[in-house]
């Protein structure tokens, strides 16, 4: 789907946290559109990463929108913290939210002018999203099992992207194993926001790497 602008969201999960500001500035200068922030709680996924304090610090160091992905079991409890930290978009998982809770989350985010993303894991049927689509500003399809960076792309996401694009006109984001090889697959299927971690932060020339992803 090349008629919709392709946005690149480098995932700081793959950045060097000892010099995070420099890492973020490097991808910003290279042409990134958003900064993707993976938040993990050790419950919903088997890893622990960062919290709202880091998001708040990033907000002071970059002008790019902060795309905050809550891979946590209780997004409602932490929602205000991530709103106040300066998130542009907050994505929560359909696996941990009832429709009623998702509506509450949407109302709170809308009141704060923060966009809502809804995500599903690779093994979750896409039909779980159908009753939530009208609430979402973005749908995030995981193309790896969430929890750790550096995993290989799972092709089972391709038919999900294609099916979703037929019924959802807003942003479709794909996260996991995105490289210059896999980017064309998800773009042609209908995705327009690509999260990339290891591929970008390990690239010798990040401008060239981002250009390859955007060109599909």
N, C-alpha and C. Protein backbone atom coordinates (compact mmCIF):
# COMPACT_ATOMS: atom_id res chain seq x y z
N UNK A 1 0.85 -1.19 0.00
CA UNK A 1 0.00 0.00 0.00
C UNK A 1 0.88 1.24 0.00
N UNK A 2 1.26 1.71 -1.17
CA UNK A 2 2.21 2.79 -1.27
C UNK A 2 1.57 4.16 -1.37
N UNK A 3 0.24 4.21 -1.41
CA UNK A 3 -0.44 5.49 -1.47
C UNK A 3 -0.49 6.18 -0.11
N UNK A 4 -0.32 5.42 0.95
CA UNK A 4 -0.33 5.97 2.31
C UNK A 4 1.11 6.20 2.76
N UNK A 5 1.38 7.35 3.37
CA UNK A 5 2.75 7.68 3.77
C UNK A 5 3.31 6.62 4.72
N UNK A 6 4.53 6.19 4.42
CA UNK A 6 5.19 5.20 5.26
C UNK A 6 5.94 5.91 6.38
N UNK A 7 5.66 5.51 7.61
CA UNK A 7 6.29 6.09 8.79
C UNK A 7 7.22 5.06 9.43
N UNK A 8 8.39 5.52 9.85
CA UNK A 8 9.36 4.63 10.48
C UNK A 8 9.50 5.01 11.95
N UNK A 9 9.35 4.00 12.82
CA UNK A 9 9.40 4.21 14.27
C UNK A 9 10.50 3.33 14.86
N UNK A 10 11.73 3.84 14.97
CA UNK A 10 12.80 3.05 15.58
C UNK A 10 12.47 2.68 17.02
N UNK A 11 12.69 1.42 17.36
CA UNK A 11 12.42 0.95 18.72
C UNK A 11 13.66 1.09 19.59
N UNK A 12 13.55 1.86 20.66
CA UNK A 12 14.70 2.06 21.53
C UNK A 12 15.05 0.82 22.34
N UNK A 13 14.25 -0.23 22.22
CA UNK A 13 14.59 -1.48 22.89
C UNK A 13 15.96 -1.98 22.41
N UNK A 14 16.32 -1.62 21.19
CA UNK A 14 17.60 -2.05 20.62
C UNK A 14 18.68 -0.99 20.72
N UNK A 15 18.38 0.14 21.35
CA UNK A 15 19.36 1.21 21.49
C UNK A 15 20.32 0.93 22.64
N UNK A 16 21.42 1.66 22.66
CA UNK A 16 22.38 1.59 23.76
C UNK A 16 21.89 2.54 24.86
N UNK A 17 21.40 2.00 25.95
CA UNK A 17 20.80 2.83 27.00
C UNK A 17 21.83 3.65 27.78
N UNK A 18 23.10 3.35 27.60
CA UNK A 18 24.12 4.16 28.27
C UNK A 18 24.28 5.52 27.61
N UNK A 19 23.75 5.64 26.39
CA UNK A 19 23.80 6.92 25.67
C UNK A 19 22.50 7.10 24.89
N UNK A 20 21.38 6.96 25.59
CA UNK A 20 20.08 6.92 24.94
C UNK A 20 19.77 8.20 24.18
N UNK A 21 20.09 9.35 24.74
CA UNK A 21 19.82 10.60 24.04
C UNK A 21 20.55 10.63 22.69
N UNK A 22 21.79 10.24 22.69
CA UNK A 22 22.56 10.24 21.44
C UNK A 22 21.97 9.25 20.43
N UNK A 23 21.54 8.10 20.91
CA UNK A 23 20.93 7.10 20.03
C UNK A 23 19.64 7.64 19.40
N UNK A 24 18.82 8.27 20.22
CA UNK A 24 17.56 8.82 19.70
C UNK A 24 17.83 9.95 18.71
N UNK A 25 18.79 10.81 19.03
CA UNK A 25 19.14 11.91 18.13
C UNK A 25 19.66 11.37 16.80
N UNK A 26 20.35 10.25 16.82
CA UNK A 26 20.91 9.69 15.60
C UNK A 26 19.83 9.22 14.63
N UNK A 27 18.77 8.60 15.15
CA UNK A 27 17.70 8.15 14.26
C UNK A 27 16.79 9.32 13.87
N UNK A 28 16.67 10.29 14.77
CA UNK A 28 15.90 11.49 14.43
C UNK A 28 16.56 12.21 13.25
N UNK A 29 17.85 12.38 13.32
CA UNK A 29 18.60 13.04 12.25
C UNK A 29 18.55 12.23 10.96
N UNK A 30 18.46 10.91 11.10
CA UNK A 30 18.46 10.03 9.93
C UNK A 30 17.12 9.96 9.22
N UNK A 31 16.07 10.57 9.79
CA UNK A 31 14.79 10.62 9.11
C UNK A 31 13.67 9.81 9.73
N UNK A 32 13.84 9.38 10.98
CA UNK A 32 12.75 8.67 11.67
C UNK A 32 11.55 9.58 11.84
N UNK A 33 10.38 8.98 11.88
CA UNK A 33 9.14 9.75 12.03
C UNK A 33 8.63 9.74 13.47
N UNK A 34 8.73 8.60 14.14
CA UNK A 34 8.33 8.45 15.53
C UNK A 34 9.46 7.75 16.28
N UNK A 35 9.38 7.78 17.59
CA UNK A 35 10.24 6.95 18.44
C UNK A 35 9.34 5.94 19.15
N UNK A 36 9.66 4.66 18.96
CA UNK A 36 8.85 3.59 19.53
C UNK A 36 9.44 3.17 20.87
N UNK A 37 8.61 3.19 21.91
CA UNK A 37 9.05 2.90 23.28
C UNK A 37 8.33 1.65 23.77
N UNK A 38 9.09 0.56 23.94
CA UNK A 38 8.52 -0.71 24.41
C UNK A 38 8.55 -0.77 25.93
N UNK A 39 7.38 -0.83 26.52
CA UNK A 39 7.25 -0.90 27.98
C UNK A 39 6.81 -2.31 28.35
N UNK A 40 7.61 -3.00 29.15
CA UNK A 40 7.33 -4.39 29.53
C UNK A 40 7.36 -4.53 31.05
N UNK A 41 6.44 -5.32 31.57
CA UNK A 41 6.27 -5.39 33.03
C UNK A 41 6.71 -6.70 33.67
N UNK A 42 7.19 -7.65 32.88
CA UNK A 42 7.59 -8.93 33.45
C UNK A 42 6.44 -9.86 33.75
N UNK A 43 5.21 -9.45 33.42
CA UNK A 43 4.02 -10.28 33.63
C UNK A 43 3.37 -10.64 32.30
N UNK A 44 2.98 -9.62 31.55
CA UNK A 44 2.39 -9.89 30.24
C UNK A 44 3.42 -10.47 29.29
N UNK A 45 4.66 -10.03 29.43
CA UNK A 45 5.78 -10.59 28.67
C UNK A 45 6.92 -10.90 29.65
N UNK A 46 7.80 -11.85 29.30
CA UNK A 46 8.85 -12.27 30.23
C UNK A 46 10.08 -11.36 30.19
N UNK A 47 9.86 -10.07 30.37
CA UNK A 47 10.98 -9.13 30.38
C UNK A 47 10.50 -7.86 31.07
N UNK A 48 11.43 -7.09 31.60
CA UNK A 48 11.13 -5.80 32.22
C UNK A 48 12.00 -4.75 31.51
N UNK A 49 11.38 -3.65 31.09
CA UNK A 49 12.16 -2.63 30.40
C UNK A 49 12.12 -1.30 31.14
N UNK A 50 11.30 -0.38 30.70
CA UNK A 50 11.33 0.99 31.23
C UNK A 50 9.94 1.44 31.65
N UNK A 51 9.90 2.59 32.32
CA UNK A 51 8.63 3.14 32.78
C UNK A 51 8.44 4.57 32.33
N UNK A 52 7.44 5.25 32.89
CA UNK A 52 7.10 6.61 32.45
C UNK A 52 8.21 7.63 32.68
N UNK A 53 9.11 7.40 33.63
CA UNK A 53 10.19 8.36 33.86
C UNK A 53 11.09 8.49 32.64
N UNK A 54 11.33 7.38 31.96
CA UNK A 54 12.17 7.42 30.76
C UNK A 54 11.42 8.12 29.63
N UNK A 55 10.13 7.85 29.51
CA UNK A 55 9.32 8.53 28.49
C UNK A 55 9.35 10.04 28.74
N UNK A 56 9.22 10.45 29.98
CA UNK A 56 9.24 11.87 30.32
C UNK A 56 10.58 12.49 29.95
N UNK A 57 11.67 11.78 30.19
CA UNK A 57 12.99 12.28 29.84
C UNK A 57 13.16 12.38 28.33
N UNK A 58 12.67 11.37 27.61
CA UNK A 58 12.76 11.39 26.15
C UNK A 58 11.99 12.57 25.56
N UNK A 59 10.85 12.88 26.18
CA UNK A 59 10.03 13.98 25.68
C UNK A 59 10.81 15.30 25.68
N UNK A 60 11.76 15.43 26.61
CA UNK A 60 12.58 16.64 26.70
C UNK A 60 13.73 16.64 25.70
N UNK A 61 14.01 15.48 25.11
CA UNK A 61 15.21 15.35 24.29
C UNK A 61 14.95 15.13 22.81
N UNK A 62 13.70 14.96 22.43
CA UNK A 62 13.38 14.77 21.02
C UNK A 62 12.07 15.46 20.69
N UNK A 63 11.98 15.93 19.47
CA UNK A 63 10.73 16.56 19.01
C UNK A 63 9.82 15.55 18.33
N UNK A 64 10.31 14.33 18.14
CA UNK A 64 9.51 13.31 17.46
C UNK A 64 8.39 12.79 18.36
N UNK A 65 7.27 12.39 17.75
CA UNK A 65 6.18 11.78 18.53
C UNK A 65 6.65 10.50 19.22
N UNK A 66 6.24 10.31 20.46
CA UNK A 66 6.59 9.12 21.21
C UNK A 66 5.47 8.09 21.12
N UNK A 67 5.79 6.99 20.48
CA UNK A 67 4.88 5.88 20.20
C UNK A 67 5.10 4.84 21.30
N UNK A 68 4.27 4.89 22.34
CA UNK A 68 4.50 4.10 23.55
C UNK A 68 3.66 2.82 23.53
N UNK A 69 4.33 1.69 23.54
CA UNK A 69 3.70 0.38 23.42
C UNK A 69 3.70 -0.31 24.78
N UNK A 70 2.53 -0.37 25.40
CA UNK A 70 2.41 -0.94 26.75
C UNK A 70 2.17 -2.45 26.67
N UNK A 71 3.24 -3.21 26.80
CA UNK A 71 3.15 -4.67 26.88
C UNK A 71 3.08 -5.04 28.35
N UNK A 72 1.95 -4.64 28.96
CA UNK A 72 1.78 -4.81 30.40
C UNK A 72 0.38 -5.36 30.68
N UNK A 73 0.25 -6.00 31.83
CA UNK A 73 -1.00 -6.68 32.14
C UNK A 73 -2.10 -5.76 32.66
N UNK A 74 -1.71 -4.56 33.15
CA UNK A 74 -2.70 -3.63 33.71
C UNK A 74 -2.48 -2.22 33.16
N UNK A 75 -2.80 -1.98 31.89
CA UNK A 75 -2.54 -0.67 31.29
C UNK A 75 -3.34 0.45 31.93
N UNK A 76 -4.52 0.17 32.45
CA UNK A 76 -5.34 1.22 33.05
C UNK A 76 -4.64 1.83 34.27
N UNK A 77 -4.01 0.99 35.08
CA UNK A 77 -3.37 1.46 36.31
C UNK A 77 -2.26 2.48 36.01
N UNK A 78 -1.55 2.29 34.89
CA UNK A 78 -0.41 3.14 34.57
C UNK A 78 -0.73 4.22 33.53
N UNK A 79 -1.98 4.26 33.07
CA UNK A 79 -2.31 5.11 31.93
C UNK A 79 -2.01 6.59 32.17
N UNK A 80 -2.43 7.11 33.31
CA UNK A 80 -2.19 8.53 33.61
C UNK A 80 -0.70 8.86 33.60
N UNK A 81 0.11 7.97 34.12
CA UNK A 81 1.55 8.21 34.18
C UNK A 81 2.14 8.38 32.78
N UNK A 82 1.71 7.54 31.86
CA UNK A 82 2.26 7.62 30.51
C UNK A 82 1.66 8.77 29.71
N UNK A 83 0.44 9.13 30.01
CA UNK A 83 -0.15 10.33 29.40
C UNK A 83 0.64 11.56 29.85
N UNK A 84 0.84 11.69 31.15
CA UNK A 84 1.53 12.85 31.71
C UNK A 84 3.00 12.91 31.32
N UNK A 85 3.56 11.77 30.96
CA UNK A 85 4.97 11.74 30.56
C UNK A 85 5.20 12.32 29.17
N UNK A 86 4.12 12.47 28.39
CA UNK A 86 4.27 13.08 27.08
C UNK A 86 4.09 12.16 25.90
N UNK A 87 3.38 11.06 26.08
CA UNK A 87 3.14 10.13 24.98
C UNK A 87 2.27 10.77 23.90
N UNK A 88 2.62 10.49 22.66
CA UNK A 88 1.81 10.92 21.52
C UNK A 88 0.73 9.89 21.23
N UNK A 89 1.11 8.64 21.34
CA UNK A 89 0.22 7.51 21.08
C UNK A 89 0.53 6.44 22.11
N UNK A 90 -0.50 5.85 22.68
CA UNK A 90 -0.32 4.75 23.63
C UNK A 90 -1.05 3.52 23.10
N UNK A 91 -0.29 2.46 22.92
CA UNK A 91 -0.86 1.20 22.42
C UNK A 91 -0.99 0.21 23.56
N UNK A 92 -2.17 -0.39 23.67
CA UNK A 92 -2.44 -1.41 24.68
C UNK A 92 -2.83 -2.70 23.98
N UNK A 93 -2.70 -3.80 24.68
CA UNK A 93 -2.96 -5.10 24.06
C UNK A 93 -4.40 -5.56 24.24
N UNK A 94 -4.96 -6.04 23.16
CA UNK A 94 -6.33 -6.56 23.18
C UNK A 94 -6.44 -7.77 24.09
N UNK A 95 -5.34 -8.49 24.27
CA UNK A 95 -5.37 -9.69 25.10
C UNK A 95 -5.65 -9.40 26.57
N UNK A 96 -5.40 -8.17 27.02
CA UNK A 96 -5.58 -7.86 28.44
C UNK A 96 -6.71 -6.84 28.67
N UNK A 97 -7.44 -6.50 27.62
CA UNK A 97 -8.49 -5.49 27.74
C UNK A 97 -9.84 -6.00 27.24
N UNK A 98 -10.85 -5.92 28.08
CA UNK A 98 -12.21 -6.15 27.62
C UNK A 98 -12.64 -4.96 26.77
N UNK A 99 -13.74 -5.12 26.07
CA UNK A 99 -14.26 -4.01 25.27
C UNK A 99 -14.61 -2.82 26.16
N UNK A 100 -15.18 -3.09 27.33
CA UNK A 100 -15.55 -2.02 28.26
C UNK A 100 -14.32 -1.26 28.74
N UNK A 101 -13.26 -1.99 29.06
CA UNK A 101 -12.03 -1.33 29.49
C UNK A 101 -11.41 -0.53 28.35
N UNK A 102 -11.45 -1.07 27.15
CA UNK A 102 -10.88 -0.35 26.01
C UNK A 102 -11.63 0.96 25.79
N UNK A 103 -12.92 0.96 26.01
CA UNK A 103 -13.69 2.20 25.87
C UNK A 103 -13.29 3.22 26.93
N UNK A 104 -13.03 2.75 28.14
CA UNK A 104 -12.57 3.65 29.21
C UNK A 104 -11.21 4.25 28.86
N UNK A 105 -10.33 3.41 28.35
CA UNK A 105 -9.00 3.87 27.95
C UNK A 105 -9.10 4.90 26.83
N UNK A 106 -9.95 4.62 25.86
CA UNK A 106 -10.14 5.55 24.75
C UNK A 106 -10.64 6.90 25.24
N UNK A 107 -11.60 6.89 26.14
CA UNK A 107 -12.16 8.14 26.66
C UNK A 107 -11.10 8.96 27.39
N UNK A 108 -10.29 8.30 28.19
CA UNK A 108 -9.25 9.00 28.94
C UNK A 108 -8.19 9.57 28.00
N UNK A 109 -7.78 8.78 27.01
CA UNK A 109 -6.78 9.26 26.06
C UNK A 109 -7.32 10.41 25.22
N UNK A 110 -8.55 10.29 24.78
CA UNK A 110 -9.15 11.35 23.96
C UNK A 110 -9.21 12.67 24.72
N UNK A 111 -9.53 12.59 26.01
CA UNK A 111 -9.60 13.80 26.84
C UNK A 111 -8.25 14.47 26.95
N UNK A 112 -7.19 13.69 26.80
CA UNK A 112 -5.82 14.22 26.89
C UNK A 112 -5.19 14.42 25.52
N UNK A 113 -5.98 14.19 24.47
CA UNK A 113 -5.51 14.35 23.08
C UNK A 113 -4.34 13.42 22.77
N UNK A 114 -4.42 12.21 23.31
CA UNK A 114 -3.45 11.16 23.03
C UNK A 114 -4.14 10.10 22.18
N UNK A 115 -3.45 9.62 21.17
CA UNK A 115 -4.03 8.61 20.27
C UNK A 115 -3.99 7.22 20.92
N UNK A 116 -4.94 6.38 20.52
CA UNK A 116 -5.02 5.01 21.02
C UNK A 116 -4.62 4.01 19.96
N UNK A 117 -3.65 3.17 20.31
CA UNK A 117 -3.31 2.02 19.49
C UNK A 117 -3.77 0.75 20.17
N UNK A 118 -4.17 -0.22 19.37
CA UNK A 118 -4.58 -1.53 19.91
C UNK A 118 -3.74 -2.59 19.23
N UNK A 119 -3.16 -3.48 20.03
CA UNK A 119 -2.23 -4.48 19.50
C UNK A 119 -2.72 -5.90 19.72
N UNK A 120 -2.24 -6.79 18.83
CA UNK A 120 -2.44 -8.22 19.04
C UNK A 120 -1.12 -8.96 18.81
N UNK A 121 -0.94 -10.03 19.54
CA UNK A 121 0.23 -10.89 19.39
C UNK A 121 0.09 -11.79 18.17
N UNK A 122 1.18 -12.39 17.72
CA UNK A 122 1.12 -13.24 16.52
C UNK A 122 0.09 -14.36 16.59
N UNK A 123 -0.09 -14.94 17.78
CA UNK A 123 -1.01 -16.06 17.90
C UNK A 123 -2.45 -15.69 18.19
N UNK A 124 -2.73 -14.40 18.31
CA UNK A 124 -4.10 -13.96 18.62
C UNK A 124 -4.89 -13.78 17.34
N UNK A 125 -6.08 -14.38 17.25
CA UNK A 125 -6.91 -14.22 16.03
C UNK A 125 -7.29 -12.76 15.81
N UNK A 126 -7.30 -12.35 14.58
CA UNK A 126 -7.59 -10.96 14.25
C UNK A 126 -9.02 -10.58 14.60
N UNK A 127 -9.91 -11.57 14.70
CA UNK A 127 -11.31 -11.27 14.98
C UNK A 127 -11.51 -10.61 16.34
N UNK A 128 -10.53 -10.76 17.25
CA UNK A 128 -10.65 -10.11 18.57
C UNK A 128 -10.70 -8.59 18.43
N UNK A 129 -10.19 -8.08 17.31
CA UNK A 129 -10.14 -6.64 17.09
C UNK A 129 -11.44 -6.05 16.56
N UNK A 130 -12.29 -6.86 15.97
CA UNK A 130 -13.41 -6.34 15.20
C UNK A 130 -14.30 -5.37 15.99
N UNK A 131 -14.61 -5.70 17.24
CA UNK A 131 -15.49 -4.83 18.04
C UNK A 131 -14.76 -3.61 18.59
N UNK A 132 -13.44 -3.57 18.41
CA UNK A 132 -12.64 -2.47 18.94
C UNK A 132 -12.15 -1.49 17.87
N UNK A 133 -12.37 -1.83 16.61
CA UNK A 133 -11.79 -1.04 15.53
C UNK A 133 -12.23 0.41 15.55
N UNK A 134 -13.45 0.68 15.93
CA UNK A 134 -13.94 2.07 15.91
C UNK A 134 -13.28 2.91 17.00
N UNK A 135 -12.64 2.26 17.98
CA UNK A 135 -11.96 2.99 19.05
C UNK A 135 -10.52 3.32 18.69
N UNK A 136 -9.94 2.58 17.78
CA UNK A 136 -8.51 2.65 17.52
C UNK A 136 -8.13 3.74 16.52
N UNK A 137 -7.04 4.42 16.83
CA UNK A 137 -6.40 5.32 15.86
C UNK A 137 -5.33 4.57 15.09
N UNK A 138 -4.89 3.46 15.65
CA UNK A 138 -3.85 2.63 15.05
C UNK A 138 -4.01 1.21 15.54
N UNK A 139 -3.72 0.26 14.65
CA UNK A 139 -3.65 -1.14 15.04
C UNK A 139 -2.21 -1.60 14.88
N UNK A 140 -1.66 -2.20 15.94
CA UNK A 140 -0.30 -2.72 15.91
C UNK A 140 -0.35 -4.25 15.87
N UNK A 141 0.19 -4.81 14.80
CA UNK A 141 0.28 -6.25 14.65
C UNK A 141 1.70 -6.69 14.97
N UNK A 142 1.85 -7.52 15.98
CA UNK A 142 3.17 -8.03 16.34
C UNK A 142 3.59 -9.12 15.35
N UNK A 143 4.80 -9.00 14.84
CA UNK A 143 5.33 -10.00 13.91
C UNK A 143 6.46 -10.81 14.54
N UNK A 144 6.59 -10.69 15.86
CA UNK A 144 7.42 -11.58 16.69
C UNK A 144 6.67 -11.76 18.01
N UNK A 145 7.10 -12.73 18.79
CA UNK A 145 6.52 -12.86 20.12
C UNK A 145 7.07 -11.72 20.99
N UNK A 146 6.22 -10.94 21.61
CA UNK A 146 6.70 -9.78 22.36
C UNK A 146 7.53 -10.17 23.58
N UNK A 147 8.51 -9.33 23.88
CA UNK A 147 9.32 -9.57 25.06
C UNK A 147 10.79 -9.27 24.86
N UNK A 148 11.30 -9.54 23.65
CA UNK A 148 12.72 -9.35 23.40
C UNK A 148 12.95 -8.85 21.98
N UNK A 149 13.98 -8.06 21.80
CA UNK A 149 14.34 -7.58 20.48
C UNK A 149 15.21 -8.59 19.74
N UNK A 150 15.45 -8.33 18.46
CA UNK A 150 16.35 -9.15 17.68
C UNK A 150 15.78 -10.45 17.15
N UNK A 151 14.46 -10.63 17.24
CA UNK A 151 13.84 -11.86 16.76
C UNK A 151 13.57 -11.80 15.26
N UNK A 152 13.36 -12.97 14.68
CA UNK A 152 13.08 -13.06 13.24
C UNK A 152 11.61 -12.81 12.95
N UNK A 153 11.35 -12.18 11.83
CA UNK A 153 10.01 -11.86 11.36
C UNK A 153 9.18 -13.13 11.15
N UNK A 154 7.92 -13.07 11.60
CA UNK A 154 7.00 -14.20 11.44
C UNK A 154 6.02 -13.91 10.31
N UNK A 155 6.13 -14.62 9.18
CA UNK A 155 5.30 -14.33 8.01
C UNK A 155 3.80 -14.48 8.24
N UNK A 156 3.39 -15.12 9.34
CA UNK A 156 1.96 -15.29 9.58
C UNK A 156 1.24 -13.96 9.75
N UNK A 157 2.00 -12.88 9.94
CA UNK A 157 1.37 -11.57 10.11
C UNK A 157 0.88 -11.01 8.78
N UNK A 158 1.44 -11.47 7.66
CA UNK A 158 1.11 -10.89 6.36
C UNK A 158 -0.38 -10.99 6.03
N UNK A 159 -1.00 -12.17 6.11
CA UNK A 159 -2.44 -12.23 5.84
C UNK A 159 -3.27 -11.41 6.82
N UNK A 160 -2.78 -11.23 8.05
CA UNK A 160 -3.50 -10.40 9.02
C UNK A 160 -3.49 -8.94 8.58
N UNK A 161 -2.34 -8.48 8.12
CA UNK A 161 -2.25 -7.10 7.64
C UNK A 161 -3.20 -6.91 6.46
N UNK A 162 -3.16 -7.84 5.55
CA UNK A 162 -3.98 -7.74 4.34
C UNK A 162 -5.46 -7.72 4.68
N UNK A 163 -5.88 -8.60 5.59
CA UNK A 163 -7.29 -8.67 5.98
C UNK A 163 -7.71 -7.41 6.72
N UNK A 164 -6.83 -6.92 7.58
CA UNK A 164 -7.15 -5.72 8.37
C UNK A 164 -7.28 -4.49 7.48
N UNK A 165 -6.40 -4.37 6.49
CA UNK A 165 -6.44 -3.19 5.63
C UNK A 165 -7.76 -3.09 4.87
N UNK A 166 -8.41 -4.19 4.62
CA UNK A 166 -9.69 -4.17 3.91
C UNK A 166 -10.80 -3.53 4.73
N UNK A 167 -10.64 -3.51 6.06
CA UNK A 167 -11.72 -3.02 6.91
C UNK A 167 -11.30 -1.86 7.82
N UNK A 168 -10.02 -1.46 7.73
CA UNK A 168 -9.49 -0.43 8.64
C UNK A 168 -8.68 0.57 7.83
N UNK A 169 -9.11 1.82 7.81
CA UNK A 169 -8.48 2.82 6.95
C UNK A 169 -7.39 3.65 7.63
N UNK A 170 -7.26 3.49 8.95
CA UNK A 170 -6.28 4.30 9.69
C UNK A 170 -4.91 3.60 9.69
N UNK A 171 -4.04 4.01 10.59
CA UNK A 171 -2.67 3.49 10.61
C UNK A 171 -2.62 2.02 11.03
N UNK A 172 -1.84 1.25 10.28
CA UNK A 172 -1.54 -0.13 10.64
C UNK A 172 -0.03 -0.22 10.83
N UNK A 173 0.36 -0.63 12.03
CA UNK A 173 1.76 -0.71 12.41
C UNK A 173 2.16 -2.17 12.56
N UNK A 174 3.39 -2.50 12.13
CA UNK A 174 3.92 -3.85 12.29
C UNK A 174 5.23 -3.75 13.05
N UNK A 175 5.38 -4.63 14.04
CA UNK A 175 6.53 -4.57 14.95
C UNK A 175 7.13 -5.95 15.10
N UNK A 176 8.41 -6.06 14.70
CA UNK A 176 9.13 -7.31 14.92
C UNK A 176 9.83 -7.82 13.67
N UNK A 177 11.16 -7.83 13.70
CA UNK A 177 11.92 -8.37 12.58
C UNK A 177 11.84 -7.56 11.30
N UNK A 178 11.60 -6.26 11.42
CA UNK A 178 11.48 -5.42 10.23
C UNK A 178 12.86 -5.01 9.74
N UNK A 179 13.16 -5.39 8.50
CA UNK A 179 14.43 -5.06 7.83
C UNK A 179 14.11 -4.62 6.41
N UNK A 180 15.15 -4.35 5.64
CA UNK A 180 14.91 -3.99 4.23
C UNK A 180 14.34 -5.16 3.43
N UNK A 181 14.46 -6.37 3.96
CA UNK A 181 13.91 -7.56 3.29
C UNK A 181 12.43 -7.73 3.61
N UNK A 182 12.05 -7.54 4.87
CA UNK A 182 10.66 -7.78 5.29
C UNK A 182 9.77 -6.56 5.14
N UNK A 183 10.35 -5.36 5.12
CA UNK A 183 9.54 -4.15 4.99
C UNK A 183 8.65 -4.15 3.75
N UNK A 184 9.17 -4.53 2.56
CA UNK A 184 8.30 -4.53 1.38
C UNK A 184 7.09 -5.46 1.53
N UNK A 185 7.26 -6.55 2.26
CA UNK A 185 6.17 -7.50 2.44
C UNK A 185 5.02 -6.89 3.21
N UNK A 186 5.33 -6.19 4.30
CA UNK A 186 4.26 -5.62 5.12
C UNK A 186 3.67 -4.36 4.48
N UNK A 187 4.51 -3.61 3.76
CA UNK A 187 4.00 -2.42 3.08
C UNK A 187 3.03 -2.81 1.97
N UNK A 188 3.40 -3.78 1.17
CA UNK A 188 2.52 -4.23 0.09
C UNK A 188 1.23 -4.84 0.62
N UNK A 189 1.28 -5.36 1.84
CA UNK A 189 0.08 -5.95 2.44
C UNK A 189 -0.85 -4.91 3.03
N UNK A 190 -0.33 -3.69 3.25
CA UNK A 190 -1.19 -2.62 3.73
C UNK A 190 -0.71 -1.87 4.95
N UNK A 191 0.42 -2.27 5.54
CA UNK A 191 0.95 -1.55 6.71
C UNK A 191 1.59 -0.24 6.27
N UNK A 192 1.52 0.76 7.13
CA UNK A 192 2.16 2.05 6.80
C UNK A 192 3.03 2.60 7.93
N UNK A 193 3.07 1.91 9.08
CA UNK A 193 3.97 2.30 10.16
C UNK A 193 4.84 1.08 10.49
N UNK A 194 6.15 1.25 10.37
CA UNK A 194 7.07 0.13 10.59
C UNK A 194 7.94 0.40 11.81
N UNK A 195 7.90 -0.52 12.75
CA UNK A 195 8.78 -0.46 13.92
C UNK A 195 10.01 -1.30 13.62
N UNK A 196 11.17 -0.72 13.81
CA UNK A 196 12.41 -1.45 13.56
C UNK A 196 13.40 -1.14 14.65
N UNK A 197 14.01 -2.17 15.20
CA UNK A 197 14.95 -1.99 16.29
C UNK A 197 16.37 -2.30 15.91
N UNK A 198 16.71 -3.57 15.94
CA UNK A 198 18.09 -4.01 15.68
C UNK A 198 18.59 -3.55 14.32
N UNK A 199 17.75 -3.68 13.30
CA UNK A 199 18.17 -3.31 11.94
C UNK A 199 18.63 -1.86 11.87
N UNK A 200 17.91 -0.96 12.55
CA UNK A 200 18.25 0.46 12.48
C UNK A 200 19.39 0.84 13.41
N UNK A 201 19.32 0.40 14.66
CA UNK A 201 20.32 0.86 15.62
C UNK A 201 21.69 0.21 15.40
N UNK A 202 21.73 -0.89 14.66
CA UNK A 202 23.01 -1.51 14.34
C UNK A 202 23.53 -1.09 12.97
N UNK A 203 22.75 -0.30 12.24
CA UNK A 203 23.14 0.12 10.89
C UNK A 203 24.31 1.10 10.95
N UNK A 204 25.27 0.94 10.05
CA UNK A 204 26.39 1.87 9.97
C UNK A 204 25.92 3.23 9.47
N UNK A 205 24.96 3.21 8.56
CA UNK A 205 24.39 4.45 8.03
C UNK A 205 22.88 4.41 8.25
N UNK A 206 22.42 5.05 9.28
CA UNK A 206 21.00 4.99 9.64
C UNK A 206 20.12 5.70 8.63
N UNK A 207 20.64 6.73 7.99
CA UNK A 207 19.86 7.44 6.96
C UNK A 207 19.54 6.52 5.79
N UNK A 208 20.54 5.78 5.36
CA UNK A 208 20.35 4.82 4.28
C UNK A 208 19.39 3.71 4.72
N UNK A 209 19.55 3.23 5.94
CA UNK A 209 18.70 2.14 6.45
C UNK A 209 17.24 2.57 6.50
N UNK A 210 16.99 3.78 7.01
CA UNK A 210 15.60 4.28 7.07
C UNK A 210 15.05 4.49 5.68
N UNK A 211 15.88 4.98 4.78
CA UNK A 211 15.45 5.16 3.40
C UNK A 211 15.03 3.85 2.74
N UNK A 212 15.75 2.79 3.02
CA UNK A 212 15.41 1.47 2.47
C UNK A 212 14.06 0.99 3.01
N UNK A 213 13.81 1.24 4.29
CA UNK A 213 12.53 0.82 4.86
C UNK A 213 11.38 1.62 4.26
N UNK A 214 11.56 2.93 4.12
CA UNK A 214 10.49 3.77 3.60
C UNK A 214 10.16 3.46 2.14
N UNK A 215 11.19 3.10 1.38
CA UNK A 215 10.98 2.81 -0.04
C UNK A 215 10.42 1.42 -0.27
N UNK A 216 10.45 0.62 0.77
CA UNK A 216 9.85 -0.70 0.66
C UNK A 216 10.56 -1.60 -0.34
